[in-house]
Amino acid sequence: MIAFSAHFDGKVIVPEHAVDLPRDRPFVVHIETPGSADLAGESAPGHALQWLADNAVDDDLPSDLSAEHDHYLYGTPKRG
């Protein structure tokens, strides 16, 4: 992953310094404000857990899914 400081001029994202990237190639860009990068290391697990809680669904999954995941994913015989 490559990280660099930049600003948005209203139309494009402009790096603060020269960036050595291949030309005419697509990239995925993640945007963070400067303060969020400092907090990301400490609170990332909390964010992940919050995301899981926010996106949890009740799909009537089998109660033995965690113990028998190979059976449900790959069709192997149940262990129990």
N, C-alpha and C. Protein backbone atom coordinates (compact mmCIF):
# COMPACT_ATOMS: atom_id res chain seq x y z
N MET A 1 0.84 -1.17 0.00
CA MET A 1 0.00 0.00 0.00
C MET A 1 0.89 1.24 0.00
N ILE A 2 0.47 2.23 -0.71
CA ILE A 2 1.20 3.50 -0.78
C ILE A 2 0.32 4.56 -0.14
N ALA A 3 0.88 5.34 0.76
CA ALA A 3 0.14 6.42 1.41
C ALA A 3 0.87 7.73 1.17
N PHE A 4 0.13 8.79 0.93
CA PHE A 4 0.72 10.10 0.74
C PHE A 4 -0.29 11.17 1.12
N SER A 5 0.22 12.34 1.46
CA SER A 5 -0.64 13.48 1.80
C SER A 5 -1.08 14.16 0.52
N ALA A 6 -2.31 14.62 0.52
CA ALA A 6 -2.86 15.29 -0.66
C ALA A 6 -3.96 16.23 -0.22
N HIS A 7 -4.42 17.04 -1.16
CA HIS A 7 -5.58 17.90 -0.91
C HIS A 7 -6.52 17.82 -2.11
N PHE A 8 -7.76 18.17 -1.89
CA PHE A 8 -8.76 18.17 -2.95
C PHE A 8 -9.00 19.60 -3.38
N ASP A 9 -8.80 19.90 -4.65
CA ASP A 9 -8.93 21.28 -5.12
C ASP A 9 -10.34 21.61 -5.62
N GLY A 10 -11.28 20.75 -5.36
CA GLY A 10 -12.65 20.95 -5.83
C GLY A 10 -12.97 20.12 -7.05
N LYS A 11 -11.93 19.63 -7.71
CA LYS A 11 -12.13 18.82 -8.91
C LYS A 11 -11.30 17.54 -8.88
N VAL A 12 -10.06 17.63 -8.44
CA VAL A 12 -9.16 16.47 -8.41
C VAL A 12 -8.40 16.42 -7.08
N ILE A 13 -7.87 15.24 -6.77
CA ILE A 13 -7.01 15.07 -5.60
C ILE A 13 -5.58 15.34 -6.05
N VAL A 14 -4.91 16.26 -5.36
CA VAL A 14 -3.56 16.69 -5.74
C VAL A 14 -2.57 16.28 -4.64
N PRO A 15 -1.58 15.41 -4.96
CA PRO A 15 -0.57 15.04 -3.96
C PRO A 15 0.25 16.26 -3.54
N GLU A 16 0.63 16.30 -2.26
CA GLU A 16 1.45 17.39 -1.75
C GLU A 16 2.87 17.33 -2.29
N HIS A 17 3.36 16.13 -2.59
CA HIS A 17 4.70 15.93 -3.14
C HIS A 17 4.59 14.95 -4.30
N ALA A 18 5.63 14.85 -5.10
CA ALA A 18 5.64 13.92 -6.23
C ALA A 18 5.42 12.49 -5.73
N VAL A 19 4.62 11.73 -6.46
CA VAL A 19 4.32 10.34 -6.11
C VAL A 19 4.74 9.46 -7.27
N ASP A 20 5.52 8.42 -6.99
CA ASP A 20 6.01 7.52 -8.04
C ASP A 20 4.99 6.40 -8.24
N LEU A 21 4.04 6.65 -9.15
CA LEU A 21 3.00 5.66 -9.48
C LEU A 21 2.99 5.46 -10.99
N PRO A 22 2.60 4.26 -11.43
CA PRO A 22 2.50 4.04 -12.88
C PRO A 22 1.39 4.93 -13.48
N ARG A 23 1.62 5.45 -14.66
CA ARG A 23 0.64 6.31 -15.33
C ARG A 23 -0.44 5.47 -16.00
N ASP A 24 -1.61 6.07 -16.15
CA ASP A 24 -2.73 5.47 -16.88
C ASP A 24 -3.11 4.09 -16.37
N ARG A 25 -3.11 3.94 -15.06
CA ARG A 25 -3.47 2.68 -14.44
C ARG A 25 -4.52 2.96 -13.38
N PRO A 26 -5.56 2.12 -13.26
CA PRO A 26 -6.58 2.37 -12.23
C PRO A 26 -6.06 2.04 -10.83
N PHE A 27 -6.57 2.77 -9.84
CA PHE A 27 -6.21 2.54 -8.44
C PHE A 27 -7.47 2.62 -7.60
N VAL A 28 -7.45 2.00 -6.44
CA VAL A 28 -8.50 2.17 -5.44
C VAL A 28 -7.97 3.18 -4.43
N VAL A 29 -8.74 4.19 -4.14
CA VAL A 29 -8.30 5.27 -3.25
C VAL A 29 -9.15 5.25 -1.99
N HIS A 30 -8.50 5.26 -0.83
CA HIS A 30 -9.17 5.34 0.46
C HIS A 30 -8.89 6.74 1.02
N ILE A 31 -9.93 7.43 1.46
CA ILE A 31 -9.77 8.79 1.95
C ILE A 31 -9.87 8.81 3.47
N GLU A 32 -8.90 9.43 4.13
CA GLU A 32 -8.90 9.64 5.58
C GLU A 32 -8.54 11.09 5.84
N THR A 33 -9.15 11.67 6.85
CA THR A 33 -8.69 12.99 7.28
C THR A 33 -7.46 12.78 8.14
N PRO A 34 -6.57 13.77 8.27
CA PRO A 34 -5.33 13.56 9.03
C PRO A 34 -5.55 13.04 10.44
N GLY A 35 -6.54 13.49 11.17
CA GLY A 35 -6.77 13.02 12.53
C GLY A 35 -7.23 11.58 12.59
N SER A 36 -7.93 11.09 11.58
CA SER A 36 -8.45 9.72 11.62
C SER A 36 -7.34 8.69 11.49
N ALA A 37 -6.24 9.01 10.83
CA ALA A 37 -5.13 8.07 10.70
C ALA A 37 -4.49 7.79 12.06
N ASP A 38 -4.41 8.82 12.93
CA ASP A 38 -3.82 8.63 14.25
C ASP A 38 -4.69 7.74 15.12
N LEU A 39 -6.00 7.85 14.99
CA LEU A 39 -6.91 7.08 15.81
C LEU A 39 -7.14 5.68 15.27
N ALA A 40 -6.85 5.45 14.02
CA ALA A 40 -7.19 4.17 13.41
C ALA A 40 -6.52 3.00 14.12
N GLY A 41 -5.26 3.13 14.52
CA GLY A 41 -4.57 2.04 15.17
C GLY A 41 -5.17 1.64 16.50
N GLU A 42 -5.60 2.60 17.31
CA GLU A 42 -6.15 2.30 18.62
C GLU A 42 -7.58 1.78 18.55
N SER A 43 -8.37 2.33 17.67
CA SER A 43 -9.79 2.02 17.72
C SER A 43 -10.26 1.15 16.57
N ALA A 44 -9.34 0.64 15.75
CA ALA A 44 -9.75 -0.20 14.63
C ALA A 44 -10.57 -1.40 15.07
N PRO A 45 -10.17 -2.14 16.14
CA PRO A 45 -11.01 -3.26 16.54
C PRO A 45 -12.43 -2.83 16.91
N GLY A 46 -12.57 -1.70 17.56
CA GLY A 46 -13.90 -1.21 17.90
C GLY A 46 -14.71 -0.90 16.67
N HIS A 47 -14.06 -0.31 15.67
CA HIS A 47 -14.76 -0.03 14.43
C HIS A 47 -15.19 -1.32 13.74
N ALA A 48 -14.35 -2.31 13.74
CA ALA A 48 -14.69 -3.58 13.10
C ALA A 48 -15.86 -4.24 13.82
N LEU A 49 -15.83 -4.24 15.14
CA LEU A 49 -16.93 -4.82 15.89
C LEU A 49 -18.22 -4.05 15.69
N GLN A 50 -18.13 -2.74 15.62
CA GLN A 50 -19.32 -1.93 15.36
C GLN A 50 -19.87 -2.22 13.98
N TRP A 51 -18.98 -2.38 13.00
CA TRP A 51 -19.43 -2.70 11.65
C TRP A 51 -20.15 -4.04 11.63
N LEU A 52 -19.58 -5.04 12.32
CA LEU A 52 -20.23 -6.35 12.38
C LEU A 52 -21.61 -6.25 13.02
N ALA A 53 -21.71 -5.51 14.12
CA ALA A 53 -23.00 -5.36 14.79
C ALA A 53 -24.00 -4.64 13.90
N ASP A 54 -23.55 -3.62 13.20
CA ASP A 54 -24.45 -2.86 12.32
C ASP A 54 -24.92 -3.66 11.13
N ASN A 55 -24.11 -4.62 10.69
CA ASN A 55 -24.43 -5.37 9.48
C ASN A 55 -24.87 -6.80 9.74
N ALA A 56 -25.10 -7.14 11.01
CA ALA A 56 -25.54 -8.49 11.35
C ALA A 56 -26.95 -8.73 10.81
N VAL A 57 -27.19 -9.94 10.36
CA VAL A 57 -28.51 -10.32 9.86
C VAL A 57 -28.92 -11.63 10.50
N ASP A 58 -30.21 -11.84 10.61
CA ASP A 58 -30.74 -13.09 11.14
C ASP A 58 -31.31 -13.88 9.96
N ASP A 59 -30.52 -14.81 9.45
CA ASP A 59 -30.92 -15.58 8.27
C ASP A 59 -31.33 -17.00 8.62
N ASP A 60 -31.69 -17.27 9.85
CA ASP A 60 -32.05 -18.63 10.27
C ASP A 60 -30.95 -19.62 9.92
N LEU A 61 -29.73 -19.28 10.30
CA LEU A 61 -28.59 -20.15 10.04
C LEU A 61 -28.62 -21.33 10.99
N PRO A 62 -28.03 -22.47 10.60
CA PRO A 62 -28.01 -23.63 11.49
C PRO A 62 -27.27 -23.33 12.78
N SER A 63 -27.74 -23.89 13.88
CA SER A 63 -27.11 -23.63 15.18
C SER A 63 -25.72 -24.25 15.28
N ASP A 64 -25.41 -25.24 14.45
CA ASP A 64 -24.09 -25.88 14.49
C ASP A 64 -23.18 -25.38 13.37
N LEU A 65 -23.46 -24.22 12.82
CA LEU A 65 -22.68 -23.71 11.69
C LEU A 65 -21.20 -23.57 12.02
N SER A 66 -20.86 -23.06 13.19
CA SER A 66 -19.44 -22.86 13.50
C SER A 66 -18.71 -24.19 13.67
N ALA A 67 -19.37 -25.19 14.23
CA ALA A 67 -18.73 -26.50 14.43
C ALA A 67 -18.70 -27.32 13.15
N GLU A 68 -19.68 -27.13 12.28
CA GLU A 68 -19.82 -27.95 11.08
C GLU A 68 -19.64 -27.14 9.79
N HIS A 69 -18.81 -26.08 9.86
CA HIS A 69 -18.69 -25.21 8.69
C HIS A 69 -18.19 -25.95 7.44
N ASP A 70 -17.32 -26.97 7.60
CA ASP A 70 -16.86 -27.72 6.43
C ASP A 70 -18.02 -28.45 5.76
N HIS A 71 -18.93 -28.95 6.56
CA HIS A 71 -20.11 -29.63 6.00
C HIS A 71 -20.95 -28.66 5.17
N TYR A 72 -21.20 -27.47 5.71
CA TYR A 72 -22.05 -26.51 5.01
C TYR A 72 -21.33 -25.84 3.84
N LEU A 73 -20.01 -25.65 3.93
CA LEU A 73 -19.28 -25.03 2.84
C LEU A 73 -18.90 -26.01 1.73
N TYR A 74 -18.43 -27.19 2.13
CA TYR A 74 -17.83 -28.12 1.15
C TYR A 74 -18.59 -29.44 1.01
N GLY A 75 -19.61 -29.67 1.83
CA GLY A 75 -20.40 -30.90 1.73
C GLY A 75 -19.77 -32.11 2.37
N THR A 76 -18.74 -31.90 3.22
CA THR A 76 -18.12 -33.05 3.91
C THR A 76 -19.12 -33.62 4.92
N PRO A 77 -18.95 -34.88 5.31
CA PRO A 77 -19.86 -35.45 6.31
C PRO A 77 -19.76 -34.67 7.63
N LYS A 78 -20.89 -34.59 8.33
CA LYS A 78 -20.88 -33.92 9.64
C LYS A 78 -20.02 -34.72 10.61
N ARG A 79 -19.37 -34.00 11.52
CA ARG A 79 -18.50 -34.64 12.52
C ARG A 79 -19.29 -35.17 13.70
N GLY A 80 -20.38 -34.48 14.01
CA GLY A 80 -21.09 -34.80 15.25
C GLY A 80 -22.38 -35.38 15.08
